[in-house]
Amino acid sequence: MTNNITPHINQAGYLDIAQQIDSPNHDARPDNSIISLIVIHNISLPPQQYGGHGIVELFTNQLNPGDHPYYAEISHLKVSSHFFIKRDGQLIQFVSCLNRAWHAGVSSWKGVERCNDFSIGIELEGSDFDVFENTQYKTLGSLLSVLKKTYVIDTIVGHSDIAPGRKTDPGPYFNWAKANKA
């Protein structure tokens, strides 16, 4: 995000500087939903391996179960996220912010269930066992800034905060202080 160009989200809910790869795994938010929550995740496919195409293939329902034993376990899943930040900081958007991406699953925040209804999901390429890259925090900081200017964001949480006991991401190596000041 250089050249003093201020990124923005257009009327269709897409960030102008993100690469767009459409995921079929989304639907309409309920009427009168207010986007107020951001959920941070981590993901790597295969687990703890970075730089491949597995995540894009998973989010676009193109994951080949024969490519890796783990893929055979998850290739049937219909999941997505609004945004994905690769290890090199590249930003991909899979779902319009105006739509409900399928990232949170069974979830609750402050007594309200179905967090997908009112949240934006951001996946970082990583795992519970590795530190995240500085360039990922830089991209995340810029993205969070744009989202906060566009929507009424009350809180930024980890997947583990809205699905405790079921999810652990973004994990112990995610640096919340670094993310908040990026």
C-alpha atoms as a PDB file:
ATOM      1  CA  MET A   1       0.000   0.000   0.000  1.00  0.00           C
ATOM      2  CA  THR A   2       2.320   2.627  -1.336  1.00  0.00           C
ATOM      3  CA  ASN A   3       2.356   5.731  -3.505  1.00  0.00           C
ATOM      4  CA  ASN A   4       0.210   7.618  -0.978  1.00  0.00           C
ATOM      5  CA  ILE A   5      -2.907   6.051  -2.482  1.00  0.00           C
ATOM      6  CA  THR A   6      -5.535   5.480   0.171  1.00  0.00           C
ATOM      7  CA  PRO A   7      -7.153   2.075  -0.272  1.00  0.00           C
ATOM      8  CA  HIS A   8     -10.907   1.918   0.030  1.00  0.00           C
ATOM      9  CA  ILE A   9     -13.761  -0.554  -0.092  1.00  0.00           C
ATOM     10  CA  ASN A  10     -16.111   0.075  -2.995  1.00  0.00           C
ATOM     11  CA  GLN A  11     -19.916  -0.019  -2.939  1.00  0.00           C
ATOM     12  CA  ALA A  12     -19.851  -3.718  -3.838  1.00  0.00           C
ATOM     13  CA  GLY A  13     -17.814  -4.488  -0.703  1.00  0.00           C
ATOM     14  CA  TYR A  14     -14.453  -5.123  -2.376  1.00  0.00           C
ATOM     15  CA  LEU A  15     -11.122  -3.614  -1.365  1.00  0.00           C
ATOM     16  CA  ASP A  16      -9.629  -1.924  -4.395  1.00  0.00           C
ATOM     17  CA  ILE A  17      -6.057  -3.077  -3.729  1.00  0.00           C
ATOM     18  CA  ALA A  18      -6.779  -6.744  -2.966  1.00  0.00           C
ATOM     19  CA  GLN A  19      -6.502  -9.490  -5.535  1.00  0.00           C
ATOM     20  CA  GLN A  20     -10.013 -10.808  -6.033  1.00  0.00           C
ATOM     21  CA  ILE A  21     -10.665 -14.547  -6.252  1.00  0.00           C
ATOM     22  CA  ASP A  22     -14.361 -15.299  -5.863  1.00  0.00           C
ATOM     23  CA  SER A  23     -15.409 -18.069  -3.499  1.00  0.00           C
ATOM     24  CA  PRO A  24     -18.802 -19.711  -3.942  1.00  0.00           C
ATOM     25  CA  ASN A  25     -18.878 -20.313  -0.182  1.00  0.00           C
ATOM     26  CA  HIS A  26     -20.883 -17.355   1.018  1.00  0.00           C
ATOM     27  CA  ASP A  27     -24.424 -16.130   1.243  1.00  0.00           C
ATOM     28  CA  ALA A  28     -26.378 -13.016   2.154  1.00  0.00           C
ATOM     29  CA  ARG A  29     -26.079 -11.553   5.614  1.00  0.00           C
ATOM     30  CA  PRO A  30     -29.361 -11.417   7.523  1.00  0.00           C
ATOM     31  CA  ASP A  31     -31.375  -8.226   7.025  1.00  0.00           C
ATOM     32  CA  ASN A  32     -30.243  -5.366   9.240  1.00  0.00           C
ATOM     33  CA  SER A  33     -26.878  -6.990  10.032  1.00  0.00           C
ATOM     34  CA  ILE A  34     -24.293  -4.490  11.177  1.00  0.00           C
ATOM     35  CA  ILE A  35     -20.680  -5.451  10.539  1.00  0.00           C
ATOM     36  CA  SER A  36     -19.137  -4.913  13.950  1.00  0.00           C
ATOM     37  CA  LEU A  37     -16.623  -7.712  14.511  1.00  0.00           C
ATOM     38  CA  ILE A  38     -13.383  -8.800  12.851  1.00  0.00           C
ATOM     39  CA  VAL A  39     -12.226 -12.362  13.382  1.00  0.00           C
ATOM     40  CA  ILE A  40      -8.546 -13.228  12.911  1.00  0.00           C
ATOM     41  CA  HIS A  41      -7.675 -16.790  11.872  1.00  0.00           C
ATOM     42  CA  ASN A  42      -4.609 -18.735  10.795  1.00  0.00           C
ATOM     43  CA  ILE A  43      -4.498 -21.352   8.075  1.00  0.00           C
ATOM     44  CA  SER A  44      -1.909 -23.421   6.249  1.00  0.00           C
ATOM     45  CA  LEU A  45      -2.409 -26.211   3.755  1.00  0.00           C
ATOM     46  CA  PRO A  46      -0.974 -28.723   4.103  1.00  0.00           C
ATOM     47  CA  PRO A  47      -0.616 -27.992   7.813  1.00  0.00           C
ATOM     48  CA  GLN A  48       2.493 -25.908   8.599  1.00  0.00           C
ATOM     49  CA  GLN A  49       3.463 -25.694   4.928  1.00  0.00           C
ATOM     50  CA  TYR A  50       3.375 -22.319   3.246  1.00  0.00           C
ATOM     51  CA  GLY A  51       3.282 -20.896  -0.247  1.00  0.00           C
ATOM     52  CA  GLY A  52       1.145 -23.487  -1.993  1.00  0.00           C
ATOM     53  CA  HIS A  53      -2.254 -23.221  -3.622  1.00  0.00           C
ATOM     54  CA  GLY A  54      -4.181 -25.320  -1.097  1.00  0.00           C
ATOM     55  CA  ILE A  55      -5.930 -22.441   0.644  1.00  0.00           C
ATOM     56  CA  VAL A  56      -7.178 -20.873  -2.578  1.00  0.00           C
ATOM     57  CA  GLU A  57      -8.292 -24.321  -3.750  1.00  0.00           C
ATOM     58  CA  LEU A  58     -10.105 -24.973  -0.449  1.00  0.00           C
ATOM     59  CA  PHE A  59     -11.932 -21.640  -0.544  1.00  0.00           C
ATOM     60  CA  THR A  60     -12.941 -22.183  -4.193  1.00  0.00           C
ATOM     61  CA  ASN A  61     -13.996 -25.847  -3.759  1.00  0.00           C
ATOM     62  CA  GLN A  62     -11.140 -27.083  -5.956  1.00  0.00           C
ATOM     63  CA  LEU A  63      -9.042 -28.919  -3.355  1.00  0.00           C
ATOM     64  CA  ASN A  64      -7.963 -32.290  -4.760  1.00  0.00           C
ATOM     65  CA  PRO A  65      -8.246 -34.947  -2.033  1.00  0.00           C
ATOM     66  CA  GLY A  66      -5.494 -36.958  -3.758  1.00  0.00           C
ATOM     67  CA  ASP A  67      -2.867 -34.213  -3.492  1.00  0.00           C
ATOM     68  CA  HIS A  68      -2.192 -34.728   0.237  1.00  0.00           C
ATOM     69  CA  PRO A  69      -3.562 -37.098   2.912  1.00  0.00           C
ATOM     70  CA  TYR A  70      -4.891 -34.132   4.917  1.00  0.00           C
ATOM     71  CA  TYR A  71      -6.796 -32.863   1.883  1.00  0.00           C
ATOM     72  CA  ALA A  72      -8.803 -36.103   1.813  1.00  0.00           C
ATOM     73  CA  GLU A  73     -10.104 -35.198   5.290  1.00  0.00           C
ATOM     74  CA  ILE A  74     -11.165 -31.633   4.439  1.00  0.00           C
ATOM     75  CA  SER A  75     -11.902 -31.470   0.692  1.00  0.00           C
ATOM     76  CA  HIS A  76     -15.656 -31.771   1.344  1.00  0.00           C
ATOM     77  CA  LEU A  77     -15.737 -28.610   3.482  1.00  0.00           C
ATOM     78  CA  LYS A  78     -17.463 -25.495   2.178  1.00  0.00           C
ATOM     79  CA  VAL A  79     -15.554 -22.664   3.848  1.00  0.00           C
ATOM     80  CA  SER A  80     -14.285 -19.212   2.984  1.00  0.00           C
ATOM     81  CA  SER A  81     -13.039 -15.994   4.442  1.00  0.00           C
ATOM     82  CA  HIS A  82     -13.355 -12.425   3.339  1.00  0.00           C
ATOM     83  CA  PHE A  83      -9.583 -11.884   3.253  1.00  0.00           C
ATOM     84  CA  PHE A  84      -6.404 -13.964   3.190  1.00  0.00           C
ATOM     85  CA  ILE A  85      -2.931 -12.556   3.878  1.00  0.00           C
ATOM     86  CA  LYS A  86      -0.085 -14.677   2.534  1.00  0.00           C
ATOM     87  CA  ARG A  87       3.331 -14.936   4.197  1.00  0.00           C
ATOM     88  CA  ASP A  88       4.717 -12.332   1.773  1.00  0.00           C
ATOM     89  CA  GLY A  89       1.933  -9.880   2.635  1.00  0.00           C
ATOM     90  CA  GLN A  90      -0.097 -10.434  -0.528  1.00  0.00           C
ATOM     91  CA  LEU A  91      -3.776  -9.762   0.112  1.00  0.00           C
ATOM     92  CA  ILE A  92      -6.552 -11.795  -1.507  1.00  0.00           C
ATOM     93  CA  GLN A  93     -10.271 -11.131  -1.099  1.00  0.00           C
ATOM     94  CA  PHE A  94     -12.622 -14.095  -1.580  1.00  0.00           C
ATOM     95  CA  VAL A  95     -15.980 -12.661  -0.488  1.00  0.00           C
ATOM     96  CA  SER A  96     -17.477  -9.181  -0.576  1.00  0.00           C
ATOM     97  CA  CYS A  97     -17.639  -7.599   2.862  1.00  0.00           C
ATOM     98  CA  LEU A  98     -21.355  -7.139   2.227  1.00  0.00           C
ATOM     99  CA  ASN A  99     -21.865 -10.923   2.154  1.00  0.00           C
ATOM    100  CA  ARG A 100     -21.507 -13.542   4.851  1.00  0.00           C
ATOM    101  CA  ALA A 101     -18.329 -15.595   4.425  1.00  0.00           C
ATOM    102  CA  TRP A 102     -18.269 -19.027   6.035  1.00  0.00           C
ATOM    103  CA  HIS A 103     -15.266 -18.671   8.341  1.00  0.00           C
ATOM    104  CA  ALA A 104     -16.431 -18.807  11.958  1.00  0.00           C
ATOM    105  CA  GLY A 105     -18.641 -21.875  12.135  1.00  0.00           C
ATOM    106  CA  VAL A 106     -20.426 -22.457  15.431  1.00  0.00           C
ATOM    107  CA  SER A 107     -19.555 -19.286  17.297  1.00  0.00           C
ATOM    108  CA  SER A 108     -20.699 -16.698  19.807  1.00  0.00           C
ATOM    109  CA  TRP A 109     -19.545 -13.224  20.847  1.00  0.00           C
ATOM    110  CA  LYS A 110     -21.010 -11.357  23.817  1.00  0.00           C
ATOM    111  CA  GLY A 111     -23.954 -13.747  23.869  1.00  0.00           C
ATOM    112  CA  VAL A 112     -24.758 -13.361  20.170  1.00  0.00           C
ATOM    113  CA  GLU A 113     -24.439 -16.560  18.144  1.00  0.00           C
ATOM    114  CA  ARG A 114     -23.588 -16.990  14.447  1.00  0.00           C
ATOM    115  CA  CYS A 115     -20.679 -14.570  14.257  1.00  0.00           C
ATOM    116  CA  ASN A 116     -20.535 -14.957  10.471  1.00  0.00           C
ATOM    117  CA  ASP A 117     -23.695 -12.837  10.375  1.00  0.00           C
ATOM    118  CA  PHE A 118     -21.924  -9.705  11.652  1.00  0.00           C
ATOM    119  CA  SER A 119     -18.213 -10.282  11.187  1.00  0.00           C
ATOM    120  CA  ILE A 120     -15.436 -10.036   8.648  1.00  0.00           C
ATOM    121  CA  GLY A 121     -13.023 -12.968   8.577  1.00  0.00           C
ATOM    122  CA  ILE A 122      -9.312 -12.462   7.950  1.00  0.00           C
ATOM    123  CA  GLU A 123      -7.089 -15.514   7.480  1.00  0.00           C
ATOM    124  CA  LEU A 124      -3.323 -15.213   7.882  1.00  0.00           C
ATOM    125  CA  GLU A 125      -1.144 -17.868   6.319  1.00  0.00           C
ATOM    126  CA  GLY A 126       0.363 -19.446   9.382  1.00  0.00           C
ATOM    127  CA  SER A 127      -0.209 -21.891  12.181  1.00  0.00           C
ATOM    128  CA  ASP A 128      -0.305 -22.213  15.948  1.00  0.00           C
ATOM    129  CA  PHE A 129       3.377 -23.232  15.804  1.00  0.00           C
ATOM    130  CA  ASP A 130       5.122 -20.492  13.806  1.00  0.00           C
ATOM    131  CA  VAL A 131       5.584 -16.737  14.117  1.00  0.00           C
ATOM    132  CA  PHE A 132       3.905 -14.558  11.544  1.00  0.00           C
ATOM    133  CA  GLU A 133       5.894 -12.381   9.142  1.00  0.00           C
ATOM    134  CA  ASN A 134       6.327  -8.630   9.644  1.00  0.00           C
ATOM    135  CA  THR A 135       4.930  -8.027   6.174  1.00  0.00           C
ATOM    136  CA  GLN A 136       1.744  -9.864   7.209  1.00  0.00           C
ATOM    137  CA  TYR A 137       1.321  -7.505  10.163  1.00  0.00           C
ATOM    138  CA  LYS A 138       1.889  -4.527   7.869  1.00  0.00           C
ATOM    139  CA  THR A 139      -0.796  -5.711   5.443  1.00  0.00           C
ATOM    140  CA  LEU A 140      -3.107  -6.594   8.318  1.00  0.00           C
ATOM    141  CA  GLY A 141      -2.661  -3.152   9.880  1.00  0.00           C
ATOM    142  CA  SER A 142      -3.536  -1.413   6.620  1.00  0.00           C
ATOM    143  CA  LEU A 143      -6.535  -3.682   6.101  1.00  0.00           C
ATOM    144  CA  LEU A 144      -7.801  -3.132   9.642  1.00  0.00           C
ATOM    145  CA  SER A 145      -7.479   0.629   9.175  1.00  0.00           C
ATOM    146  CA  VAL A 146      -9.641   0.554   6.042  1.00  0.00           C
ATOM    147  CA  LEU A 147     -12.212  -1.759   7.633  1.00  0.00           C
ATOM    148  CA  LYS A 148     -12.481   0.440  10.732  1.00  0.00           C
ATOM    149  CA  LYS A 149     -13.079   3.509   8.540  1.00  0.00           C
ATOM    150  CA  THR A 150     -15.727   1.694   6.488  1.00  0.00           C
ATOM    151  CA  TYR A 151     -17.668  -0.279   9.085  1.00  0.00           C
ATOM    152  CA  VAL A 152     -18.679   0.129  12.729  1.00  0.00           C
ATOM    153  CA  ILE A 153     -16.066  -2.257  14.102  1.00  0.00           C
ATOM    154  CA  ASP A 154     -16.429  -2.717  17.866  1.00  0.00           C
ATOM    155  CA  THR A 155     -13.938  -5.503  18.408  1.00  0.00           C
ATOM    156  CA  ILE A 156     -11.181  -7.539  16.798  1.00  0.00           C
ATOM    157  CA  VAL A 157     -10.945 -11.092  18.129  1.00  0.00           C
ATOM    158  CA  GLY A 158      -9.331 -14.403  17.386  1.00  0.00           C
ATOM    159  CA  HIS A 159     -11.255 -17.422  16.201  1.00  0.00           C
ATOM    160  CA  SER A 160     -10.437 -18.944  19.596  1.00  0.00           C
ATOM    161  CA  ASP A 161     -12.357 -16.108  21.305  1.00  0.00           C
ATOM    162  CA  ILE A 162     -15.625 -16.857  19.508  1.00  0.00           C
ATOM    163  CA  ALA A 163     -15.273 -20.651  19.474  1.00  0.00           C
ATOM    164  CA  PRO A 164     -13.376 -21.471  22.686  1.00  0.00           C
ATOM    165  CA  GLY A 165     -12.535 -25.119  23.151  1.00  0.00           C
ATOM    166  CA  ARG A 166     -13.182 -25.751  19.453  1.00  0.00           C
ATOM    167  CA  LYS A 167     -10.635 -23.426  17.829  1.00  0.00           C
ATOM    168  CA  THR A 168      -7.161 -22.213  18.833  1.00  0.00           C
ATOM    169  CA  ASP A 169      -6.280 -19.761  16.080  1.00  0.00           C
ATOM    170  CA  PRO A 170      -4.742 -17.338  15.484  1.00  0.00           C
ATOM    171  CA  GLY A 171      -2.599 -19.143  18.044  1.00  0.00           C
ATOM    172  CA  PRO A 172       0.080 -18.319  20.599  1.00  0.00           C
ATOM    173  CA  TYR A 173       2.497 -16.859  18.053  1.00  0.00           C
ATOM    174  CA  PHE A 174       0.092 -14.191  16.852  1.00  0.00           C
ATOM    175  CA  ASN A 175       1.314 -10.884  18.274  1.00  0.00           C
ATOM    176  CA  TRP A 176      -1.788  -8.864  19.181  1.00  0.00           C
ATOM    177  CA  ALA A 177       0.262  -5.812  20.197  1.00  0.00           C
ATOM    178  CA  LYS A 178       2.029  -5.819  16.839  1.00  0.00           C
ATOM    179  CA  ALA A 179      -1.261  -6.222  14.989  1.00  0.00           C
ATOM    180  CA  ASN A 180      -2.867  -3.360  16.899  1.00  0.00           C
ATOM    181  CA  LYS A 181      -0.062  -0.906  16.155  1.00  0.00           C
ATOM    182  CA  ALA A 182       0.634  -1.980  12.582  1.00  0.00           C
END
